[in-house]
C-alpha atoms as a PDB file:
ATOM      1  CA  MET A   1      24.973 -95.853  50.371  1.00  0.00           C
ATOM      2  CA  LYS A   2      24.319 -96.560  47.445  1.00  0.00           C
ATOM      3  CA  ASN A   3      26.036 -95.509  44.253  1.00  0.00           C
ATOM      4  CA  GLN A   4      24.855 -92.598  41.963  1.00  0.00           C
ATOM      5  CA  THR A   5      25.482 -92.383  38.705  1.00  0.00           C
ATOM      6  CA  CYS A   6      27.283 -89.027  37.806  1.00  0.00           C
ATOM      7  CA  PRO A   7      27.221 -87.369  34.475  1.00  0.00           C
ATOM      8  CA  LEU A   8      30.286 -88.088  32.561  1.00  0.00           C
ATOM      9  CA  PRO A   9      32.774 -84.992  33.050  1.00  0.00           C
ATOM     10  CA  GLY A  10      32.042 -81.886  30.661  1.00  0.00           C
ATOM     11  CA  ARG A  11      28.824 -83.408  29.187  1.00  0.00           C
ATOM     12  CA  THR A  12      27.283 -80.129  30.396  1.00  0.00           C
ATOM     13  CA  PHE A  13      29.816 -78.206  28.044  1.00  0.00           C
ATOM     14  CA  ARG A  14      29.584 -80.374  25.358  1.00  0.00           C
ATOM     15  CA  VAL A  15      26.018 -80.051  24.904  1.00  0.00           C
ATOM     16  CA  MET A  16      26.646 -76.187  25.266  1.00  0.00           C
ATOM     17  CA  VAL A  17      29.214 -76.189  22.318  1.00  0.00           C
ATOM     18  CA  ALA A  18      26.540 -78.240  20.305  1.00  0.00           C
ATOM     19  CA  LEU A  19      23.875 -75.753  20.939  1.00  0.00           C
ATOM     20  CA  LEU A  20      26.124 -72.773  19.489  1.00  0.00           C
ATOM     21  CA  LEU A  21      27.070 -74.545  17.153  1.00  0.00           C
ATOM     22  CA  LEU A  22      23.552 -75.112  15.751  1.00  0.00           C
ATOM     23  CA  ALA A  23      22.517 -71.331  16.379  1.00  0.00           C
ATOM     24  CA  LEU A  24      25.362 -70.223  14.290  1.00  0.00           C
ATOM     25  CA  MET A  25      24.429 -72.165  11.064  1.00  0.00           C
ATOM     26  CA  GLN A  26      21.408 -70.805  10.997  1.00  0.00           C
ATOM     27  CA  ALA A  27      22.472 -67.407  11.503  1.00  0.00           C
ATOM     28  CA  CYS A  28      24.373 -68.245   8.672  1.00  0.00           C
ATOM     29  CA  SER A  29      22.321 -70.091   6.558  1.00  0.00           C
ATOM     30  CA  PRO A  30      22.485 -68.739   3.013  1.00  0.00           C
ATOM     31  CA  GLY A  31      18.490 -68.133   2.745  1.00  0.00           C
ATOM     32  CA  SER A  32      15.661 -68.719   0.318  1.00  0.00           C
ATOM     33  CA  GLY A  33      17.298 -67.190  -2.454  1.00  0.00           C
ATOM     34  CA  GLU A  34      14.497 -65.157  -2.915  1.00  0.00           C
ATOM     35  CA  ASN A  35      15.073 -61.812  -5.534  1.00  0.00           C
ATOM     36  CA  LEU A  36      18.757 -63.112  -6.069  1.00  0.00           C
ATOM     37  CA  ASP A  37      20.062 -64.294  -9.182  1.00  0.00           C
ATOM     38  CA  GLU A  38      22.218 -67.202  -9.948  1.00  0.00           C
ATOM     39  CA  ASN A  39      25.158 -65.659  -8.778  1.00  0.00           C
ATOM     40  CA  GLY A  40      23.407 -64.925  -5.644  1.00  0.00           C
ATOM     41  CA  ASN A  41      22.911 -61.104  -6.587  1.00  0.00           C
ATOM     42  CA  PRO A  42      19.906 -58.910  -6.295  1.00  0.00           C
ATOM     43  CA  VAL A  43      17.501 -59.152  -9.457  1.00  0.00           C
ATOM     44  CA  ASP A  44      17.001 -55.840 -10.977  1.00  0.00           C
ATOM     45  CA  GLU A  45      13.140 -55.315 -10.749  1.00  0.00           C
ATOM     46  CA  SER A  46      13.606 -51.967 -13.184  1.00  0.00           C
ATOM     47  CA  PRO A  47      10.597 -51.945 -15.468  1.00  0.00           C
ATOM     48  CA  ALA A  48      11.817 -53.762 -18.716  1.00  0.00           C
ATOM     49  CA  LEU A  49      10.715 -52.906 -22.352  1.00  0.00           C
ATOM     50  CA  ALA A  50       8.068 -56.054 -23.171  1.00  0.00           C
ATOM     51  CA  LEU A  51       8.763 -57.861 -26.539  1.00  0.00           C
ATOM     52  CA  SER A  52       7.100 -56.527 -29.269  1.00  0.00           C
ATOM     53  CA  PRO A  53       7.822 -56.147 -33.315  1.00  0.00           C
ATOM     54  CA  ASN A  54       8.947 -52.459 -32.959  1.00  0.00           C
ATOM     55  CA  PHE A  55      12.597 -51.561 -33.686  1.00  0.00           C
ATOM     56  CA  ASN A  56      12.903 -50.203 -30.071  1.00  0.00           C
ATOM     57  CA  SER A  57      11.801 -53.464 -28.559  1.00  0.00           C
ATOM     58  CA  ILE A  58      14.081 -55.833 -30.577  1.00  0.00           C
ATOM     59  CA  GLN A  59      16.995 -53.657 -29.881  1.00  0.00           C
ATOM     60  CA  ALA A  60      16.703 -54.138 -26.212  1.00  0.00           C
ATOM     61  CA  ASN A  61      15.179 -57.304 -26.222  1.00  0.00           C
ATOM     62  CA  ILE A  62      17.846 -59.073 -28.694  1.00  0.00           C
ATOM     63  CA  PHE A  63      20.359 -56.893 -30.545  1.00  0.00           C
ATOM     64  CA  THR A  64      21.606 -55.523 -27.235  1.00  0.00           C
ATOM     65  CA  PRO A  65      21.972 -58.527 -25.077  1.00  0.00           C
ATOM     66  CA  SER A  66      22.499 -60.877 -27.809  1.00  0.00           C
ATOM     67  CA  CYS A  67      24.526 -59.663 -30.571  1.00  0.00           C
ATOM     68  CA  ALA A  68      26.169 -56.578 -29.926  1.00  0.00           C
ATOM     69  CA  LEU A  69      28.808 -58.299 -27.762  1.00  0.00           C
ATOM     70  CA  SER A  70      32.258 -57.804 -27.431  1.00  0.00           C
ATOM     71  CA  GLY A  71      34.029 -59.751 -30.004  1.00  0.00           C
ATOM     72  CA  CYS A  72      30.728 -60.039 -32.164  1.00  0.00           C
ATOM     73  CA  HIS A  73      28.512 -57.301 -33.482  1.00  0.00           C
ATOM     74  CA  SER A  74      30.240 -54.542 -31.658  1.00  0.00           C
ATOM     75  CA  GLY A  75      33.108 -52.076 -31.523  1.00  0.00           C
ATOM     76  CA  ALA A  76      35.285 -50.436 -34.015  1.00  0.00           C
ATOM     77  CA  ALA A  77      35.475 -53.531 -36.150  1.00  0.00           C
ATOM     78  CA  PRO A  78      32.768 -55.638 -35.648  1.00  0.00           C
ATOM     79  CA  GLN A  79      31.509 -59.290 -37.345  1.00  0.00           C
ATOM     80  CA  ALA A  80      30.798 -59.089 -40.586  1.00  0.00           C
ATOM     81  CA  GLY A  81      31.594 -55.585 -40.616  1.00  0.00           C
ATOM     82  CA  LEU A  82      27.905 -55.601 -38.961  1.00  0.00           C
ATOM     83  CA  THR A  83      27.322 -53.346 -35.589  1.00  0.00           C
ATOM     84  CA  LEU A  84      24.260 -54.064 -33.422  1.00  0.00           C
ATOM     85  CA  GLN A  85      24.790 -51.505 -30.641  1.00  0.00           C
ATOM     86  CA  THR A  86      22.712 -48.813 -29.932  1.00  0.00           C
ATOM     87  CA  GLY A  87      22.358 -45.815 -32.096  1.00  0.00           C
ATOM     88  CA  LEU A  88      24.207 -47.871 -35.388  1.00  0.00           C
ATOM     89  CA  SER A  89      22.097 -50.931 -35.631  1.00  0.00           C
ATOM     90  CA  PHE A  90      19.090 -49.490 -38.061  1.00  0.00           C
ATOM     91  CA  GLN A  91      21.154 -47.615 -40.130  1.00  0.00           C
ATOM     92  CA  ALA A  92      23.888 -51.031 -40.478  1.00  0.00           C
ATOM     93  CA  LEU A  93      20.745 -53.277 -41.085  1.00  0.00           C
ATOM     94  CA  VAL A  94      17.787 -51.605 -43.307  1.00  0.00           C
ATOM     95  CA  ASN A  95      18.515 -51.530 -46.698  1.00  0.00           C
ATOM     96  CA  GLN A  96      22.429 -52.499 -46.399  1.00  0.00           C
ATOM     97  CA  ALA A  97      23.769 -55.150 -48.472  1.00  0.00           C
ATOM     98  CA  SER A  98      24.429 -58.285 -46.459  1.00  0.00           C
ATOM     99  CA  SER A  99      28.456 -58.621 -46.490  1.00  0.00           C
ATOM    100  CA  GLU A 100      28.883 -62.181 -46.946  1.00  0.00           C
ATOM    101  CA  VAL A 101      25.924 -62.309 -49.816  1.00  0.00           C
ATOM    102  CA  PRO A 102      25.787 -58.832 -51.204  1.00  0.00           C
ATOM    103  CA  ALA A 103      22.869 -59.307 -53.592  1.00  0.00           C
ATOM    104  CA  LEU A 104      20.627 -59.492 -50.299  1.00  0.00           C
ATOM    105  CA  GLN A 105      19.785 -56.720 -48.226  1.00  0.00           C
ATOM    106  CA  ARG A 106      20.359 -57.404 -44.671  1.00  0.00           C
ATOM    107  CA  ILE A 107      16.935 -56.232 -43.647  1.00  0.00           C
ATOM    108  CA  GLU A 108      14.791 -55.475 -46.930  1.00  0.00           C
ATOM    109  CA  PRO A 109      11.434 -53.875 -45.551  1.00  0.00           C
ATOM    110  CA  GLY A 110       8.427 -55.338 -46.280  1.00  0.00           C
ATOM    111  CA  ASN A 111      10.164 -58.932 -47.402  1.00  0.00           C
ATOM    112  CA  PRO A 112      11.128 -60.966 -44.273  1.00  0.00           C
ATOM    113  CA  ASP A 113      12.163 -64.228 -46.260  1.00  0.00           C
ATOM    114  CA  ASP A 114      14.559 -62.410 -49.143  1.00  0.00           C
ATOM    115  CA  SER A 115      16.015 -60.360 -45.756  1.00  0.00           C
ATOM    116  CA  TYR A 116      19.577 -61.776 -45.025  1.00  0.00           C
ATOM    117  CA  LEU A 117      19.325 -61.165 -41.012  1.00  0.00           C
ATOM    118  CA  ILE A 118      16.540 -63.821 -40.602  1.00  0.00           C
ATOM    119  CA  ARG A 119      18.519 -66.052 -42.959  1.00  0.00           C
ATOM    120  CA  LYS A 120      21.041 -65.883 -40.169  1.00  0.00           C
ATOM    121  CA  LEU A 121      18.985 -66.465 -37.407  1.00  0.00           C
ATOM    122  CA  GLU A 122      17.135 -68.967 -38.703  1.00  0.00           C
ATOM    123  CA  GLY A 123      20.271 -71.227 -40.246  1.00  0.00           C
ATOM    124  CA  THR A 124      18.807 -71.219 -43.634  1.00  0.00           C
ATOM    125  CA  ALA A 125      21.409 -68.808 -44.986  1.00  0.00           C
ATOM    126  CA  SER A 126      23.818 -70.481 -47.747  1.00  0.00           C
ATOM    127  CA  VAL A 127      27.300 -69.104 -46.313  1.00  0.00           C
ATOM    128  CA  GLY A 128      28.824 -69.262 -42.693  1.00  0.00           C
ATOM    129  CA  VAL A 129      27.215 -70.101 -39.256  1.00  0.00           C
ATOM    130  CA  GLN A 130      23.686 -69.814 -37.726  1.00  0.00           C
ATOM    131  CA  MET A 131      23.406 -66.666 -35.259  1.00  0.00           C
ATOM    132  CA  PRO A 132      23.983 -66.052 -32.657  1.00  0.00           C
ATOM    133  CA  ARG A 133      27.433 -67.992 -32.985  1.00  0.00           C
ATOM    134  CA  ASN A 134      28.355 -70.114 -30.174  1.00  0.00           C
ATOM    135  CA  ALA A 135      25.268 -69.741 -28.357  1.00  0.00           C
ATOM    136  CA  ALA A 136      21.687 -71.164 -28.286  1.00  0.00           C
ATOM    137  CA  PRO A 137      19.464 -69.889 -31.064  1.00  0.00           C
ATOM    138  CA  LEU A 138      16.857 -67.326 -30.674  1.00  0.00           C
ATOM    139  CA  SER A 139      13.667 -68.400 -29.674  1.00  0.00           C
ATOM    140  CA  SER A 140      10.658 -68.488 -32.111  1.00  0.00           C
ATOM    141  CA  GLU A 141       8.875 -65.719 -30.290  1.00  0.00           C
ATOM    142  CA  LYS A 142      11.916 -63.698 -31.094  1.00  0.00           C
ATOM    143  CA  ILE A 143      12.376 -64.191 -34.368  1.00  0.00           C
ATOM    144  CA  ARG A 144       8.446 -63.837 -34.945  1.00  0.00           C
ATOM    145  CA  ALA A 145       9.186 -60.119 -33.790  1.00  0.00           C
ATOM    146  CA  ILE A 146      11.696 -59.446 -36.318  1.00  0.00           C
ATOM    147  CA  ARG A 147       9.687 -60.531 -39.162  1.00  0.00           C
ATOM    148  CA  ASP A 148       6.512 -59.250 -38.288  1.00  0.00           C
ATOM    149  CA  TRP A 149       8.988 -55.877 -37.748  1.00  0.00           C
ATOM    150  CA  ILE A 150      10.624 -56.211 -41.605  1.00  0.00           C
ATOM    151  CA  SER A 151       6.946 -57.012 -43.007  1.00  0.00           C
ATOM    152  CA  ALA A 152       5.228 -53.953 -41.695  1.00  0.00           C
ATOM    153  CA  GLY A 153       8.057 -51.896 -43.310  1.00  0.00           C
ATOM    154  CA  ALA A 154      11.368 -52.150 -40.756  1.00  0.00           C
ATOM    155  CA  LEU A 155      10.324 -48.556 -39.139  1.00  0.00           C
ATOM    156  CA  GLY A 156      13.098 -46.955 -37.158  1.00  0.00           C
ATOM    157  CA  PRO A 157      12.978 -45.905 -33.430  1.00  0.00           C
ATOM    158  CA  SER A 158       9.529 -44.036 -32.798  1.00  0.00           C
ATOM    159  CA  LEU A 159       8.356 -41.919 -30.408  1.00  0.00           C
ATOM    160  CA  SER A 160       4.969 -43.745 -30.101  1.00  0.00           C
ATOM    161  CA  SER A 161       6.426 -46.934 -28.939  1.00  0.00           C
ATOM    162  CA  ILE A 162       8.466 -44.969 -26.208  1.00  0.00           C
ATOM    163  CA  GLN A 163       5.054 -43.121 -24.746  1.00  0.00           C
ATOM    164  CA  GLN A 164       3.224 -46.375 -25.260  1.00  0.00           C
ATOM    165  CA  ASN A 165       6.119 -48.615 -23.250  1.00  0.00           C
ATOM    166  CA  ILE A 166       7.972 -45.925 -21.106  1.00  0.00           C
ATOM    167  CA  PHE A 167       6.157 -42.410 -20.530  1.00  0.00           C
ATOM    168  CA  THR A 168       2.644 -43.142 -20.150  1.00  0.00           C
ATOM    169  CA  PRO A 169       2.785 -46.193 -17.911  1.00  0.00           C
ATOM    170  CA  ILE A 170       6.112 -45.053 -16.063  1.00  0.00           C
ATOM    171  CA  CYS A 171       6.343 -41.166 -16.261  1.00  0.00           C
ATOM    172  CA  THR A 172       2.918 -39.713 -16.215  1.00  0.00           C
ATOM    173  CA  GLN A 173       2.288 -40.698 -12.967  1.00  0.00           C
ATOM    174  CA  CYS A 174       4.296 -37.102 -12.108  1.00  0.00           C
ATOM    175  CA  HIS A 175       4.624 -35.678 -15.741  1.00  0.00           C
ATOM    176  CA  PHE A 176       0.793 -35.133 -16.136  1.00  0.00           C
ATOM    177  CA  GLY A 177      -1.479 -32.239 -16.055  1.00  0.00           C
ATOM    178  CA  SER A 178      -1.815 -28.543 -16.122  1.00  0.00           C
ATOM    179  CA  ASN A 179       0.987 -28.609 -13.625  1.00  0.00           C
ATOM    180  CA  PRO A 180       3.123 -31.507 -14.223  1.00  0.00           C
ATOM    181  CA  ALA A 181       6.619 -32.046 -12.000  1.00  0.00           C
ATOM    182  CA  ALA A 182       9.382 -29.913 -13.155  1.00  0.00           C
ATOM    183  CA  GLY A 183       7.008 -28.089 -15.686  1.00  0.00           C
ATOM    184  CA  LEU A 184       7.474 -30.930 -17.915  1.00  0.00           C
ATOM    185  CA  ASN A 185       4.074 -32.989 -19.259  1.00  0.00           C
ATOM    186  CA  LEU A 186       5.033 -36.479 -20.959  1.00  0.00           C
ATOM    187  CA  GLN A 187       1.312 -37.528 -21.300  1.00  0.00           C
ATOM    188  CA  ALA A 188       0.550 -38.515 -24.627  1.00  0.00           C
ATOM    189  CA  GLY A 189       0.178 -35.894 -27.416  1.00  0.00           C
ATOM    190  CA  GLU A 190       2.140 -33.218 -25.282  1.00  0.00           C
ATOM    191  CA  SER A 191       5.664 -35.052 -24.343  1.00  0.00           C
ATOM    192  CA  TYR A 192       7.022 -34.401 -28.295  1.00  0.00           C
ATOM    193  CA  ASP A 193       6.632 -30.747 -27.701  1.00  0.00           C
ATOM    194  CA  GLN A 194       7.725 -30.677 -24.169  1.00  0.00           C
ATOM    195  CA  LEU A 195      10.927 -32.501 -24.793  1.00  0.00           C
ATOM    196  CA  VAL A 196      12.425 -31.713 -28.260  1.00  0.00           C
ATOM    197  CA  GLY A 197      14.416 -28.205 -28.241  1.00  0.00           C
ATOM    198  CA  VAL A 198      13.352 -27.356 -25.205  1.00  0.00           C
ATOM    199  CA  LYS A 199      15.216 -26.125 -22.005  1.00  0.00           C
ATOM    200  CA  ARG A 200      14.636 -27.951 -18.367  1.00  0.00           C
ATOM    201  CA  SER A 201      13.262 -25.977 -16.025  1.00  0.00           C
ATOM    202  CA  PHE A 202      15.895 -23.609 -14.024  1.00  0.00           C
ATOM    203  CA  GLY A 203      18.812 -24.015 -16.644  1.00  0.00           C
ATOM    204  CA  ASP A 204      19.719 -23.736 -19.888  1.00  0.00           C
ATOM    205  CA  GLU A 205      20.468 -27.469 -21.206  1.00  0.00           C
ATOM    206  CA  ILE A 206      18.141 -28.781 -23.684  1.00  0.00           C
ATOM    207  CA  ARG A 207      16.128 -31.586 -22.535  1.00  0.00           C
ATOM    208  CA  VAL A 208      16.321 -33.558 -25.818  1.00  0.00           C
ATOM    209  CA  VAL A 209      18.619 -32.434 -28.784  1.00  0.00           C
ATOM    210  CA  ALA A 210      17.471 -34.008 -31.618  1.00  0.00           C
ATOM    211  CA  GLY A 211      20.110 -36.671 -33.519  1.00  0.00           C
ATOM    212  CA  ASP A 212      22.525 -36.072 -29.898  1.00  0.00           C
ATOM    213  CA  ALA A 213      21.354 -38.206 -27.037  1.00  0.00           C
ATOM    214  CA  GLY A 214      24.948 -37.549 -25.712  1.00  0.00           C
ATOM    215  CA  ASN A 215      23.841 -33.498 -24.707  1.00  0.00           C
ATOM    216  CA  SER A 216      20.477 -34.445 -23.777  1.00  0.00           C
ATOM    217  CA  PHE A 217      19.303 -33.467 -20.543  1.00  0.00           C
ATOM    218  CA  LEU A 218      16.186 -36.307 -20.362  1.00  0.00           C
ATOM    219  CA  ILE A 219      19.203 -38.756 -20.394  1.00  0.00           C
ATOM    220  CA  ASP A 220      21.403 -37.090 -17.844  1.00  0.00           C
ATOM    221  CA  LYS A 221      18.111 -37.871 -15.815  1.00  0.00           C
ATOM    222  CA  LEU A 222      17.644 -41.621 -16.654  1.00  0.00           C
ATOM    223  CA  GLU A 223      21.032 -42.805 -15.987  1.00  0.00           C
ATOM    224  CA  GLY A 224      21.676 -40.480 -12.884  1.00  0.00           C
ATOM    225  CA  ASN A 225      24.618 -37.860 -14.695  1.00  0.00           C
ATOM    226  CA  ALA A 226      26.127 -35.296 -12.681  1.00  0.00           C
ATOM    227  CA  LEU A 227      22.779 -34.656 -11.057  1.00  0.00           C
ATOM    228  CA  GLY A 228      22.254 -32.821  -7.707  1.00  0.00           C
ATOM    229  CA  GLY A 229      21.794 -29.058  -7.344  1.00  0.00           C
ATOM    230  CA  SER A 230      19.531 -27.204  -9.706  1.00  0.00           C
ATOM    231  CA  ARG A 231      19.800 -30.525 -11.952  1.00  0.00           C
ATOM    232  CA  GLY A 232      17.631 -32.600  -9.522  1.00  0.00           C
ATOM    233  CA  ASP A 233      17.798 -36.203  -8.582  1.00  0.00           C
ATOM    234  CA  ARG A 234      17.517 -39.230 -10.910  1.00  0.00           C
ATOM    235  CA  MET A 235      14.378 -40.115 -12.957  1.00  0.00           C
ATOM    236  CA  PRO A 236      12.116 -41.721 -12.372  1.00  0.00           C
ATOM    237  CA  LEU A 237      11.976 -39.998  -8.666  1.00  0.00           C
ATOM    238  CA  GLY A 238      13.092 -43.081  -5.990  1.00  0.00           C
ATOM    239  CA  GLY A 239      13.438 -45.453  -8.834  1.00  0.00           C
ATOM    240  CA  PRO A 240      12.917 -48.239  -9.423  1.00  0.00           C
ATOM    241  CA  TYR A 241      15.135 -46.882 -12.068  1.00  0.00           C
ATOM    242  CA  LEU A 242      14.960 -47.625 -15.821  1.00  0.00           C
ATOM    243  CA  GLN A 243      16.839 -50.695 -16.887  1.00  0.00           C
ATOM    244  CA  GLN A 244      20.230 -49.517 -19.773  1.00  0.00           C
ATOM    245  CA  ASN A 245      18.460 -51.452 -22.196  1.00  0.00           C
ATOM    246  CA  VAL A 246      15.185 -49.227 -21.697  1.00  0.00           C
ATOM    247  CA  ILE A 247      17.192 -46.236 -21.900  1.00  0.00           C
ATOM    248  CA  ASP A 248      18.865 -46.940 -25.109  1.00  0.00           C
ATOM    249  CA  VAL A 249      15.884 -47.088 -26.924  1.00  0.00           C
ATOM    250  CA  ILE A 250      15.208 -43.333 -25.651  1.00  0.00           C
ATOM    251  CA  ILE A 251      18.895 -42.586 -26.695  1.00  0.00           C
ATOM    252  CA  ASP A 252      18.210 -44.890 -30.106  1.00  0.00           C
ATOM    253  CA  TRP A 253      15.356 -42.686 -31.255  1.00  0.00           C
ATOM    254  CA  ILE A 254      17.109 -39.603 -30.046  1.00  0.00           C
ATOM    255  CA  ASP A 255      20.356 -40.295 -32.368  1.00  0.00           C
ATOM    256  CA  ALA A 256      17.730 -40.868 -35.355  1.00  0.00           C
ATOM    257  CA  GLY A 257      16.457 -37.578 -34.963  1.00  0.00           C
ATOM    258  CA  ALA A 258      13.976 -37.529 -31.737  1.00  0.00           C
ATOM    259  CA  LYS A 259      10.915 -37.674 -35.027  1.00  0.00           C
ATOM    260  CA  ASN A 260       7.346 -37.408 -33.591  1.00  0.00           C
ATOM    261  CA  ASP A 261       6.147 -40.416 -35.463  1.00  0.00           C
END
């Protein structure tokens, strides 16, 4: 009888182990990274405030993320005595003398070339270093937005900008018409009278307390603070929720007096 070749001992077992390891490697694959940031965390897809030459947008897109950082222009002892935090930056900048060159105002309305902030951002100041310190200079687009805002008079937080960028595109899907959600109409021409000094539905809290964002019910609704029961759900209902830098724009407007401008 002819000799027959037999499989090596354990060959079938080794093949099965290899296939199992391959399946496990595929199952644990990191994936495409879609909708993840560089640290592997979910990307925040909530609405952002587009960069434009008004104070609200500049605070949200420039001052808050690039300047009002720990150890820089924030806290109880900010660098150069200049705080650029939400609710404080406008008063600290406009018509205020620079601590480095007191003959120049940090922001001189209508005059960007002689506004010390512009010189610091563009690297042309005679004192100190270009801002932001220890970071890449601001893009020409961002500096242009600040320049254009100053040229137009360096106006403060405005309802018109909030209406155009937040209330109209995001909120009026529900809060509109003769029977708006929660009895609150946020359409242009209606929102101010419906918010400022007005009690919320089913409670005594004021929707917007001029000069006091911390006690304004609108901010609680947007940030999701102590809701439930008669206080309802966080807004926009079901999300995506506003980014904090967008909410900060509304906080700035309220703390600046919630003017109808």
